[in-house]
């Protein structure tokens, strides 16, 4: 069995501005399809794990009362905070600096949990342990 690839904690240090400026946005059709499939109530909370600079959090925020944008890299969450202020969304978008595996919340705390282009970076063992803790999390159908 191959050993797990470990990504250094400083992999994205110093890149948040470039990441935000040059990383391709998710197509509007992808965002619309995700929102359609998730059918959020408009009153729930979105959790964007390994959020980067908010490439999913910001386009999806209109479907949720609150958004948690979580990333282990402090510079990424600083960009999220700045964007939330600049777009008038600071009261609804919460930037959290933490590893996805280290986040503590109760089952049912989030109406939708997303992770874009980063699942491969999570530590496998802690993520696998999330299953029993968050049994109420349901995958989207379709």
Protein backbone atom coordinates (compact mmCIF):
# COMPACT_ATOMS: atom_id res chain seq x y z
CA UNK A 1 0.00 0.00 0.00
CA UNK A 2 1.37 3.41 -0.96
CA UNK A 3 2.09 5.84 1.82
CA UNK A 4 -0.01 8.95 2.15
CA UNK A 5 1.36 12.07 0.47
CA UNK A 6 1.94 14.85 2.99
CA UNK A 7 1.70 18.46 1.90
CA UNK A 8 3.81 20.91 3.85
CA UNK A 9 1.93 23.44 5.98
CA UNK A 10 3.63 26.30 4.13
CA UNK A 11 2.75 25.08 0.63
CA UNK A 12 0.62 28.14 -0.19
CA UNK A 13 2.36 30.66 2.07
CA UNK A 14 2.86 33.93 0.24
CA UNK A 15 0.56 33.00 -2.64
CA UNK A 16 -2.93 34.07 -1.49
CA UNK A 17 -3.04 37.23 -3.60
CA UNK A 18 -1.91 35.37 -6.71
CA UNK A 19 -4.22 32.46 -5.95
CA UNK A 20 -7.19 34.80 -5.68
CA UNK A 21 -6.31 36.72 -8.82
CA UNK A 22 -5.33 33.87 -11.14
CA UNK A 23 -7.16 30.73 -9.99
CA UNK A 24 -9.95 30.01 -12.42
CA UNK A 25 -13.43 30.57 -11.05
CA UNK A 26 -15.95 27.77 -11.01
CA UNK A 27 -18.30 28.21 -13.98
CA UNK A 28 -21.66 29.80 -13.15
CA UNK A 29 -23.36 26.66 -14.48
CA UNK A 30 -21.51 24.51 -11.92
CA UNK A 31 -22.52 26.83 -9.07
CA UNK A 32 -26.14 26.90 -10.27
CA UNK A 33 -26.24 23.11 -10.63
CA UNK A 34 -24.80 22.61 -7.15
CA UNK A 35 -27.34 25.01 -5.66
CA UNK A 36 -30.16 23.30 -7.56
CA UNK A 37 -29.12 19.83 -6.36
CA UNK A 38 -28.57 20.94 -2.76
CA UNK A 39 -31.83 22.93 -2.69
CA UNK A 40 -30.77 25.01 0.32
CA UNK A 41 -33.48 26.58 2.44
CA UNK A 42 -31.92 30.06 2.46
CA UNK A 43 -31.82 29.88 6.27
CA UNK A 44 -29.01 27.35 6.67
CA UNK A 45 -25.25 27.45 6.95
CA UNK A 46 -22.71 26.58 4.25
CA UNK A 47 -19.34 25.07 5.14
CA UNK A 48 -16.60 25.53 2.53
CA UNK A 49 -13.68 23.33 3.58
CA UNK A 50 -10.18 24.15 2.30
CA UNK A 51 -11.80 27.28 0.90
CA UNK A 52 -8.73 28.97 -0.51
CA UNK A 53 -9.83 32.55 -1.06
CA UNK A 54 -13.52 31.68 -1.27
CA UNK A 55 -13.99 30.39 -4.82
CA UNK A 56 -17.05 28.41 -3.68
CA UNK A 57 -18.04 30.37 -0.57
CA UNK A 58 -18.72 33.66 -2.33
CA UNK A 59 -20.67 32.39 -5.35
CA UNK A 60 -22.82 30.17 -3.08
CA UNK A 61 -23.39 32.69 -0.27
CA UNK A 62 -26.68 33.97 -1.71
CA UNK A 63 -28.34 30.63 -0.97
CA UNK A 64 -27.38 30.60 2.75
CA UNK A 65 -27.89 32.72 5.85
CA UNK A 66 -24.33 32.07 7.01
CA UNK A 67 -21.12 30.85 5.39
CA UNK A 68 -18.10 29.37 7.10
CA UNK A 69 -15.01 29.53 4.88
CA UNK A 70 -12.34 27.29 6.44
CA UNK A 71 -8.71 27.01 5.36
CA UNK A 72 -5.50 26.04 7.16
CA UNK A 73 -3.53 28.85 5.50
CA UNK A 74 -3.95 32.16 7.40
CA UNK A 75 -3.21 34.26 4.31
CA UNK A 76 -6.08 32.60 2.45
CA UNK A 77 -8.57 33.34 5.21
CA UNK A 78 -7.29 36.93 5.42
CA UNK A 79 -8.22 37.35 1.74
CA UNK A 80 -11.65 35.85 2.49
CA UNK A 81 -12.14 38.39 5.31
CA UNK A 82 -11.10 41.27 3.06
CA UNK A 83 -13.42 40.11 0.27
CA UNK A 84 -16.30 39.72 2.73
CA UNK A 85 -15.82 43.30 3.89
CA UNK A 86 -15.41 44.61 0.33
CA UNK A 87 -18.60 42.90 -0.83
CA UNK A 88 -20.68 43.85 2.21
CA UNK A 89 -20.90 40.21 3.30
CA UNK A 90 -18.81 40.41 6.49
CA UNK A 91 -21.82 39.73 8.71
CA UNK A 92 -22.61 36.50 6.84
CA UNK A 93 -19.20 35.14 5.79
CA UNK A 94 -17.02 33.83 8.60
CA UNK A 95 -13.38 33.07 7.75
CA UNK A 96 -11.93 30.34 9.96
CA UNK A 97 -8.24 29.45 9.99
CA UNK A 98 -8.14 25.73 10.75
CA UNK A 99 -7.49 22.42 9.07
CA UNK A 100 -10.66 20.75 7.83
CA UNK A 101 -9.78 17.74 9.96
CA UNK A 102 -9.54 19.93 13.07
CA UNK A 103 -12.86 21.74 12.74
CA UNK A 104 -15.27 21.10 15.58
CA UNK A 105 -19.01 21.36 14.96
CA UNK A 106 -22.16 19.48 15.74
CA UNK A 107 -23.92 17.21 13.26
CA UNK A 108 -26.54 19.16 11.39
CA UNK A 109 -24.72 22.47 11.93
CA UNK A 110 -24.32 22.89 8.17
CA UNK A 111 -26.93 22.57 5.46
CA UNK A 112 -24.27 22.00 2.80
CA UNK A 113 -20.58 21.12 3.01
CA UNK A 114 -18.40 21.70 -0.04
CA UNK A 115 -14.75 21.22 -0.86
CA UNK A 116 -13.30 22.18 -4.20
CA UNK A 117 -10.04 20.92 -5.68
CA UNK A 118 -8.56 20.21 -2.26
CA UNK A 119 -9.82 16.86 -0.98
CA UNK A 120 -6.50 15.25 -1.93
CA UNK A 121 -4.72 17.55 0.53
CA UNK A 122 -6.65 16.42 3.60
CA UNK A 123 -5.14 13.95 6.03
CA UNK A 124 -6.96 10.68 5.32
CA UNK A 125 -7.24 9.16 8.78
CA UNK A 126 -8.91 12.15 10.47
CA UNK A 127 -11.24 12.65 7.51
CA UNK A 128 -12.24 8.97 7.59
CA UNK A 129 -13.14 9.38 11.25
CA UNK A 130 -15.61 12.14 10.40
CA UNK A 131 -18.09 9.57 9.07
CA UNK A 132 -19.37 8.24 12.40
CA UNK A 133 -19.40 11.71 13.96
CA UNK A 134 -21.39 13.29 11.15
CA UNK A 135 -23.88 10.62 10.20
CA UNK A 136 -26.49 13.27 9.50
CA UNK A 137 -24.43 14.59 6.58
CA UNK A 138 -26.00 13.31 3.39
CA UNK A 139 -24.41 13.27 -0.08
CA UNK A 140 -26.29 14.97 -2.90
CA UNK A 141 -28.34 12.72 -5.11
CA UNK A 142 -27.69 12.63 -8.83
